[in-house]
Structure formats: C-alpha cells, structure tokens
Amino acid sequence: MARAHKRASRAEDNLQNGELSEELSGVVIAHFGTQIDIEPVPADGHVYRCHLRANLPTLVTGDKVVWCRGEPTGVVVAVESRNSELCRPDPHGRLKPIAANIDQIVIVIAPAPLPHANLIDRYLIASEHTGIEPIILLNKTDLINDDNQQAIEDLLSVYPTLGYRVLRASTLHDQGLQELVDTLQQRVSVFVGQSGVGKSSLISKLLPDIDLKVGALSIKTQKGTHTTTTAQLFHFPSGGDLIDSPGIREFGLEHLDDNTLADCFVEFRPFLGRCKFRDCQHRREPNCALLEAVAEGKISQRRFASFEHIRQSSQDE
C-alpha cells in the first residue's frame, strides 16, 4: 500500500510539473486497488493504467474522466457527472456505487429454475429507482415444454402491459440472439439474474473473445495477471458495451422506504397520493386508492401481493 501511494505521489508530482501529456477524454473500464484502467475516447486500441488525483472521489467502472498519459502510469485529473449509477448497500447499509453511466439492465430469467414474480419485481424496482431502463430476457427457451409453458406465459404476460420489453433467447439453438444484439447496440448494459439462468453462456456467445481481451489488457499494461471483484467493461463486437461484475447480480432494497417502494411500481403511480389518509399504508385503510385499484382490476393482484411481500421482506432484512 505504501508503495502504491508513493507511485501515486510521483504521478501527481509529474502532473504538477507539466511532465504528463495533454488532457484527454476516457472511460474507466476496470479498477485495481488504488489504480484504474482507462480506455481513451475515441479508443486507440490501448488501455492505460492510471492513478487518481488526490482530490477526486472514488471512481467506478463506466465513469467518464479526463486524464493524462504518463510513464509508467497516467493520472486521472477530473471526472464528468454521471448520467446514472448502480448502487448496492454495503454491510453497514450505506449505498455504494458499483458502476456508472449504464443505459439498461437486462434481467435474465429461465424456465429452470422456474422464475418467481417477486424476484423479477425486485429487479424492476431497482431499475426504476435508479432510472435505468429494464429489459426482461427469458433465456434458455429450449427448456420450455408442456409442463411449464403456461406458467411462464402467465408470469410474463403482465409486464408488456406495464411498458416493459420482454425478449426471448436460446444460446443452444441461437434463437432470439440477433434481437438481443440489436437491443444491446450503442448502449451500456448490465446483466442480472439468478445462478443457473445462463448469463455466462449468453456473455460467452455475445463476447466470444472475452478471455483473449482480458489477457490482452494484462499484457498491454504490463502488470501481469490481476484478479478483481469490481466491475469490468467489455465491448460487444457489433457495438455497445457490457459492464460485468459479481456485484451486479442482485440488489438489496432495504434502503427504500414504503413510499419510494410503492413509486417504483409503475402502475401504482396514478393512484399514489389519492388515498383518503395522507399517511395511508395501503393495508386495510378505508378509501385507499391502491386497494380500490386492485379491487377494480386496474392493478393486478399478483403485483400488489409482490409489493406487500417485498415491503415486508425489506423490513425484515
């Protein structure tokens, strides 16, 4: 750690003395302890290891920065405002950014393990809360059969009526992959989902050279092999980027209060604030606009049950 701080101090001195290059635009594509990897914008085929200037906040993958080249390491001198950020609560309940400037969250589900509406809704809540567009992807469609087809169709039927896009794909039969590729083009995406839904197979199919690319980064920066649990950014061959990280698999919602949670259900919004009591908890209160909307079929009973379940589980977390 002391050696790393010494290198960072030397890079800062070089910056102050005008010994680094002109200021350049770039994007953070990986984070390694006190150093980050920067790809220039526009890209030049190289990746550059950099330190952070002392007065900068912690950066995450996807951050757009201003930086200067240096030997052997450059310096990030400024960071641009984030269009969006994906956060997770740390062990103390404080929100911690793990990736920035994401355009869409691809929620990957599969016929097996049979998905639960509550799980999908948790991902949708996280997406709505961060303002990042969600897309539901039913992967492994080759596993659909007479036993599970109706249950899957019933599960997914509500989401298009709420304005959510639902895609279907199979890496085994190469079905639906072109539509997925088209959806990912020119956008920064993350994949989320349970273990076993085929995220790794999808990524391998969409990024066939991902291992070569990771190796090339290590060779180019001349830093040997690194292991990291932070997010890394990869480029799809046909355009668009993927930010992948073990930290972007699931999200805790315990930091959301009841009002915020309700607002993350898009179909609830027209009815919020219309209850008889300003502090309505939407449980058994008379003249509750949400309960009346459920009774009239304007809000599905399943989605309202999901809201109640998530609210209770968040209080228990």
Protein backbone atom coordinates (compact mmCIF):
# COMPACT_ATOMS: atom_id res chain seq x y z
CA MET A 1 0.00 0.00 0.00
CA ALA A 2 2.82 2.40 0.86
CA ARG A 3 4.47 1.64 -2.48
CA ALA A 4 1.23 2.35 -4.29
CA HIS A 5 0.85 5.68 -2.53
CA LYS A 6 4.43 6.55 -3.43
CA ARG A 7 3.75 5.84 -7.11
CA ALA A 8 0.59 7.93 -6.96
CA SER A 9 2.51 10.80 -5.36
CA ARG A 10 5.17 10.59 -8.07
CA ALA A 11 2.49 10.72 -10.76
CA GLU A 12 0.90 13.74 -9.06
CA ASP A 13 4.29 15.49 -8.98
CA ASN A 14 4.72 14.80 -12.69
CA LEU A 15 1.32 16.35 -13.30
CA GLN A 16 2.17 19.46 -11.31
CA ASN A 17 5.49 19.81 -13.11
CA GLY A 18 3.88 19.54 -16.52
CA GLU A 19 5.61 16.25 -17.33
CA LEU A 20 2.46 14.41 -18.37
CA SER A 21 0.61 14.58 -21.68
CA GLU A 22 -2.21 16.91 -22.62
CA GLU A 23 -5.62 16.27 -21.08
CA LEU A 24 -7.60 13.51 -22.80
CA SER A 25 -11.10 12.05 -22.55
CA GLY A 26 -11.52 8.46 -21.37
CA VAL A 27 -13.73 5.90 -19.65
CA VAL A 28 -12.94 3.68 -16.65
CA ILE A 29 -13.04 0.03 -17.76
CA ALA A 30 -11.65 -1.68 -14.63
CA HIS A 31 -10.48 -0.90 -11.10
CA PHE A 32 -7.47 -2.49 -9.38
CA GLY A 33 -6.97 -1.31 -5.82
CA THR A 34 -5.54 2.21 -5.94
CA GLN A 35 -5.24 2.17 -9.73
CA ILE A 36 -7.73 2.13 -12.58
CA ASP A 37 -7.61 1.17 -16.24
CA ILE A 38 -8.62 3.87 -18.70
CA GLU A 39 -9.60 3.46 -22.34
CA PRO A 40 -9.26 6.66 -24.39
CA VAL A 41 -12.29 8.18 -26.11
CA PRO A 42 -12.06 7.74 -29.05
CA ALA A 43 -10.36 4.37 -28.46
CA ASP A 44 -6.84 3.83 -29.83
CA GLY A 45 -6.63 0.08 -29.17
CA HIS A 46 -4.69 0.55 -25.93
CA VAL A 47 -5.58 0.54 -22.23
CA TYR A 48 -3.73 2.78 -19.79
CA ARG A 49 -3.10 2.26 -16.10
CA CYS A 50 -3.71 5.45 -14.07
CA HIS A 51 -3.69 6.83 -10.57
CA LEU A 52 -6.34 9.18 -9.25
CA ARG A 53 -5.60 12.77 -8.41
CA ALA A 54 -5.78 13.21 -4.66
CA ASN A 55 -8.91 15.38 -4.58
CA LEU A 56 -11.09 13.06 -6.67
CA PRO A 57 -13.88 10.85 -5.31
CA THR A 58 -13.81 7.08 -5.69
CA LEU A 59 -14.42 6.13 -9.31
CA VAL A 60 -16.25 3.10 -10.65
CA THR A 61 -16.36 1.29 -13.98
CA GLY A 62 -18.24 3.33 -16.56
CA ASP A 63 -17.14 6.71 -15.21
CA LYS A 64 -16.18 9.22 -17.89
CA VAL A 65 -12.97 11.02 -16.99
CA VAL A 66 -10.31 13.50 -18.04
CA TRP A 67 -6.80 12.03 -17.77
CA CYS A 68 -3.18 12.48 -18.78
CA ARG A 69 -0.75 9.86 -20.06
CA GLY A 70 2.42 9.17 -18.08
CA GLU A 71 5.27 6.70 -17.73
CA PRO A 72 4.63 4.15 -16.43
CA THR A 73 1.23 5.38 -15.18
CA GLY A 74 -1.00 8.30 -16.01
CA VAL A 75 -3.22 10.41 -13.79
CA VAL A 76 -6.97 10.96 -13.80
CA VAL A 77 -7.46 14.68 -13.22
CA ALA A 78 -11.26 15.07 -13.37
CA VAL A 79 -14.49 13.09 -13.61
CA GLU A 80 -17.63 14.01 -15.51
CA SER A 81 -21.10 13.96 -13.96
CA ARG A 82 -22.79 10.56 -14.05
CA ASN A 83 -25.92 10.02 -16.12
CA SER A 84 -26.82 7.08 -13.88
CA GLU A 85 -25.23 4.94 -11.21
CA LEU A 86 -25.91 1.47 -9.95
CA CYS A 87 -25.53 1.09 -6.18
CA ARG A 88 -25.69 -1.63 -3.58
CA PRO A 89 -25.89 -1.22 0.20
CA ASP A 90 -22.63 -2.05 1.96
CA PRO A 91 -22.60 -4.19 5.16
CA HIS A 92 -23.46 -1.01 7.13
CA GLY A 93 -26.46 -0.17 4.96
CA ARG A 94 -24.77 2.72 3.14
CA LEU A 95 -25.26 2.85 -0.62
CA LYS A 96 -22.07 2.22 -2.56
CA PRO A 97 -21.79 2.87 -6.33
CA ILE A 98 -20.53 -0.14 -8.29
CA ALA A 99 -20.96 1.06 -11.88
CA ALA A 100 -21.86 4.29 -13.68
CA ASN A 101 -23.44 5.60 -16.88
CA ILE A 102 -25.49 2.46 -17.54
CA ASP A 103 -28.28 2.66 -20.13
CA GLN A 104 -30.15 -0.58 -19.49
CA ILE A 105 -30.42 -3.51 -17.09
CA VAL A 106 -31.08 -6.89 -18.72
CA ILE A 107 -32.97 -9.08 -16.25
CA VAL A 108 -32.17 -12.67 -17.25
CA ILE A 109 -34.58 -15.43 -16.26
CA ALA A 110 -35.03 -19.01 -17.49
CA PRO A 111 -37.64 -21.78 -17.40
CA ALA A 112 -35.42 -23.62 -14.93
CA PRO A 113 -35.00 -22.59 -12.23
CA LEU A 114 -38.63 -21.51 -12.61
CA PRO A 115 -38.63 -17.74 -12.01
CA HIS A 116 -40.77 -16.09 -9.36
CA ALA A 117 -42.61 -12.84 -9.98
CA ASN A 118 -41.25 -11.49 -6.72
CA LEU A 119 -37.67 -11.85 -7.97
CA ILE A 120 -38.39 -10.15 -11.30
CA ASP A 121 -40.21 -7.35 -9.49
CA ARG A 122 -37.22 -6.76 -7.19
CA TYR A 123 -35.01 -6.19 -10.22
CA LEU A 124 -37.61 -3.90 -11.77
CA ILE A 125 -37.80 -1.89 -8.55
CA ALA A 126 -34.02 -1.45 -8.54
CA SER A 127 -34.17 -0.33 -12.17
CA GLU A 128 -36.98 2.14 -11.57
CA HIS A 129 -35.27 3.56 -8.50
CA THR A 130 -32.04 4.22 -10.41
CA GLY A 131 -33.79 5.46 -13.55
CA ILE A 132 -32.13 2.79 -15.72
CA GLU A 133 -34.27 1.10 -18.37
CA PRO A 134 -35.00 -2.58 -17.59
CA ILE A 135 -35.41 -5.32 -20.17
CA ILE A 136 -36.65 -8.80 -19.24
CA LEU A 137 -34.90 -11.62 -21.11
CA LEU A 138 -36.30 -15.14 -21.00
CA ASN A 139 -33.22 -17.23 -21.73
CA LYS A 140 -33.00 -20.99 -22.36
CA THR A 141 -36.27 -21.07 -24.28
CA ASP A 142 -35.26 -24.56 -25.41
CA LEU A 143 -36.29 -25.73 -21.91
CA ILE A 144 -39.91 -24.67 -22.38
CA ASN A 145 -42.24 -27.68 -22.51
CA ASP A 146 -45.85 -28.62 -21.95
CA ASP A 147 -45.32 -28.75 -18.19
CA ASN A 148 -44.01 -25.22 -17.71
CA GLN A 149 -45.16 -23.20 -20.72
CA GLN A 150 -48.45 -21.96 -19.30
CA ALA A 151 -46.89 -20.94 -16.00
CA ILE A 152 -44.18 -18.99 -17.82
CA GLU A 153 -46.65 -17.26 -20.14
CA ASP A 154 -48.85 -16.31 -17.19
CA LEU A 155 -45.84 -14.96 -15.33
CA LEU A 156 -44.62 -12.78 -18.19
CA SER A 157 -47.97 -11.59 -19.52
CA VAL A 158 -48.30 -8.62 -17.16
CA TYR A 159 -45.00 -6.95 -17.98
CA PRO A 160 -45.66 -5.81 -21.59
CA THR A 161 -48.93 -4.23 -20.37
CA LEU A 162 -46.82 -2.12 -17.99
CA GLY A 163 -44.49 -0.98 -20.77
CA TYR A 164 -41.64 -3.40 -20.08
CA ARG A 165 -39.95 -5.09 -23.00
CA VAL A 166 -39.69 -8.90 -22.89
CA LEU A 167 -37.17 -10.74 -25.10
CA ARG A 168 -36.63 -14.47 -25.56
CA ALA A 169 -33.42 -16.28 -26.45
CA SER A 170 -31.69 -19.64 -26.58
CA THR A 171 -27.92 -19.97 -26.92
CA LEU A 172 -28.39 -23.69 -27.63
CA HIS A 173 -30.45 -23.05 -30.76
CA ASP A 174 -29.22 -19.48 -31.47
CA GLN A 175 -32.78 -18.24 -31.21
CA GLY A 176 -33.53 -14.61 -30.44
CA LEU A 177 -29.87 -13.66 -30.26
CA GLN A 178 -29.99 -11.18 -33.14
CA GLU A 179 -32.82 -9.26 -31.50
CA LEU A 180 -30.80 -9.20 -28.28
CA VAL A 181 -27.68 -8.00 -30.15
CA ASP A 182 -29.74 -5.24 -31.75
CA THR A 183 -31.04 -4.23 -28.31
CA LEU A 184 -27.50 -4.03 -26.90
CA GLN A 185 -26.02 -1.98 -29.72
CA GLN A 186 -24.77 1.51 -28.88
CA ARG A 187 -25.84 1.10 -25.26
CA VAL A 188 -24.11 0.28 -21.97
CA SER A 189 -25.81 -2.73 -20.39
CA VAL A 190 -25.55 -4.96 -17.34
CA PHE A 191 -26.96 -8.48 -16.97
CA VAL A 192 -28.57 -9.55 -13.69
CA GLY A 193 -30.22 -12.79 -12.67
CA GLN A 194 -30.11 -15.89 -10.51
CA SER A 195 -27.42 -18.51 -10.83
CA GLY A 196 -28.29 -21.06 -13.48
CA VAL A 197 -30.23 -18.78 -15.83
CA GLY A 198 -27.42 -18.83 -18.39
CA LYS A 199 -25.81 -15.39 -18.01
CA SER A 200 -22.34 -16.83 -18.56
CA SER A 201 -23.43 -18.69 -21.70
CA LEU A 202 -25.01 -15.52 -23.05
CA ILE A 203 -21.90 -13.47 -22.36
CA SER A 204 -19.69 -16.13 -23.96
CA LYS A 205 -21.92 -16.10 -27.03
CA LEU A 206 -22.02 -12.32 -27.26
CA LEU A 207 -18.35 -11.86 -26.33
CA PRO A 208 -16.57 -14.86 -27.88
CA ASP A 209 -13.12 -13.33 -27.30
CA ILE A 210 -13.67 -12.15 -23.75
CA ASP A 211 -10.81 -14.25 -22.32
CA LEU A 212 -8.44 -13.01 -25.03
CA LYS A 213 -9.46 -9.45 -24.32
CA VAL A 214 -8.85 -9.80 -20.60
CA GLY A 215 -5.43 -11.29 -21.30
CA ALA A 216 -4.60 -8.51 -23.73
CA LEU A 217 -5.32 -5.90 -21.09
CA SER A 218 -2.86 -7.51 -18.72
CA ILE A 219 -0.16 -7.69 -21.39
CA LYS A 220 -0.71 -4.14 -22.59
CA THR A 221 -0.47 -2.61 -19.15
CA GLN A 222 2.50 -4.86 -18.33
CA LYS A 223 1.11 -5.55 -14.89
CA GLY A 224 0.76 -9.31 -15.11
CA THR A 225 -2.47 -11.07 -14.20
CA HIS A 226 -4.93 -9.39 -11.88
CA THR A 227 -7.96 -10.71 -10.12
CA THR A 228 -10.72 -8.31 -9.20
CA THR A 229 -14.21 -8.39 -7.78
CA THR A 230 -15.09 -4.99 -9.21
CA ALA A 231 -16.92 -4.37 -12.42
CA GLN A 232 -15.19 -4.53 -15.79
CA LEU A 233 -16.35 -3.06 -19.10
CA PHE A 234 -16.24 -5.08 -22.33
CA HIS A 235 -17.17 -4.13 -25.90
CA PHE A 236 -19.63 -6.16 -27.97
CA PRO A 237 -18.21 -6.85 -31.46
CA SER A 238 -21.31 -5.39 -33.12
CA GLY A 239 -21.41 -2.30 -30.90
CA GLY A 240 -22.41 -1.49 -27.35
CA ASP A 241 -20.77 -2.30 -24.02
CA LEU A 242 -21.28 -4.73 -21.16
CA ILE A 243 -20.36 -3.96 -17.56
CA ASP A 244 -19.97 -7.28 -15.75
CA SER A 245 -19.30 -7.86 -12.08
CA PRO A 246 -20.21 -10.28 -9.28
CA GLY A 247 -21.53 -7.16 -7.50
CA ILE A 248 -24.21 -6.66 -10.15
CA ARG A 249 -26.09 -9.91 -9.67
CA GLU A 250 -28.74 -8.85 -7.20
CA PHE A 251 -29.76 -5.81 -5.20
CA GLY A 252 -30.88 -5.22 -1.64
CA LEU A 253 -33.96 -3.00 -1.29
CA GLU A 254 -33.89 -2.45 2.45
CA HIS A 255 -32.82 1.17 1.97
CA LEU A 256 -36.13 2.05 0.27
CA ASP A 257 -38.96 3.38 2.43
CA ASP A 258 -42.55 2.31 1.77
CA ASN A 259 -43.44 5.41 -0.29
CA THR A 260 -40.37 5.05 -2.51
CA LEU A 261 -41.04 1.34 -2.93
CA ALA A 262 -44.63 1.99 -4.00
CA ASP A 263 -43.50 4.61 -6.50
CA CYS A 264 -41.22 2.00 -8.13
CA PHE A 265 -44.31 0.04 -9.20
CA VAL A 266 -45.13 1.96 -12.36
CA GLU A 267 -48.85 1.09 -12.36
CA PHE A 268 -49.23 2.40 -8.78
CA ARG A 269 -48.20 5.94 -9.68
CA PRO A 270 -51.57 7.24 -10.97
CA PHE A 271 -53.14 6.31 -7.63
CA LEU A 272 -50.48 7.44 -5.16
CA GLY A 273 -51.49 10.50 -3.16
CA ARG A 274 -55.18 9.87 -3.80
CA CYS A 275 -55.91 7.89 -0.64
CA LYS A 276 -58.27 9.32 1.99
CA PHE A 277 -55.49 9.47 4.58
CA ARG A 278 -52.18 11.17 3.79
CA ASP A 279 -50.28 8.57 5.84
CA CYS A 280 -52.12 5.61 4.26
CA GLN A 281 -50.09 2.41 4.49
CA HIS A 282 -52.13 0.66 1.78
CA ARG A 283 -53.00 -2.20 4.06
CA ARG A 284 -56.62 -2.11 5.33
CA GLU A 285 -57.33 1.61 5.49
CA PRO A 286 -60.73 2.78 4.16
CA ASN A 287 -60.75 4.62 0.83
CA CYS A 288 -57.22 3.51 -0.05
CA ALA A 289 -56.76 4.34 -3.72
CA LEU A 290 -54.35 1.43 -4.27
CA LEU A 291 -56.64 -1.15 -2.68
CA GLU A 292 -59.57 0.19 -4.70
CA ALA A 293 -57.50 -0.03 -7.91
CA VAL A 294 -56.70 -3.68 -7.11
CA ALA A 295 -60.38 -4.44 -6.45
CA GLU A 296 -61.32 -2.83 -9.77
CA GLY A 297 -58.66 -4.75 -11.70
CA LYS A 298 -56.62 -1.64 -12.52
CA ILE A 299 -53.68 -3.11 -10.59
CA SER A 300 -53.06 -6.85 -10.77
CA GLN A 301 -53.49 -8.74 -7.51
CA ARG A 302 -50.22 -10.53 -8.16
CA ARG A 303 -48.23 -7.30 -8.48
CA PHE A 304 -49.83 -5.86 -5.35
CA ALA A 305 -49.03 -9.09 -3.48
CA SER A 306 -45.46 -8.73 -4.71
CA PHE A 307 -45.37 -5.17 -3.33
CA GLU A 308 -46.58 -6.39 0.05
CA HIS A 309 -44.09 -9.25 0.12
CA ILE A 310 -41.14 -7.04 -0.83
CA ARG A 311 -42.18 -4.40 1.69
CA GLN A 312 -42.31 -6.98 4.47
CA SER A 313 -39.04 -8.69 3.46
CA SER A 314 -37.27 -5.31 3.26
CA GLN A 315 -38.37 -4.53 6.80
CA ASP A 316 -37.02 -7.92 7.93
CA GLU A 317 -33.62 -7.50 6.20
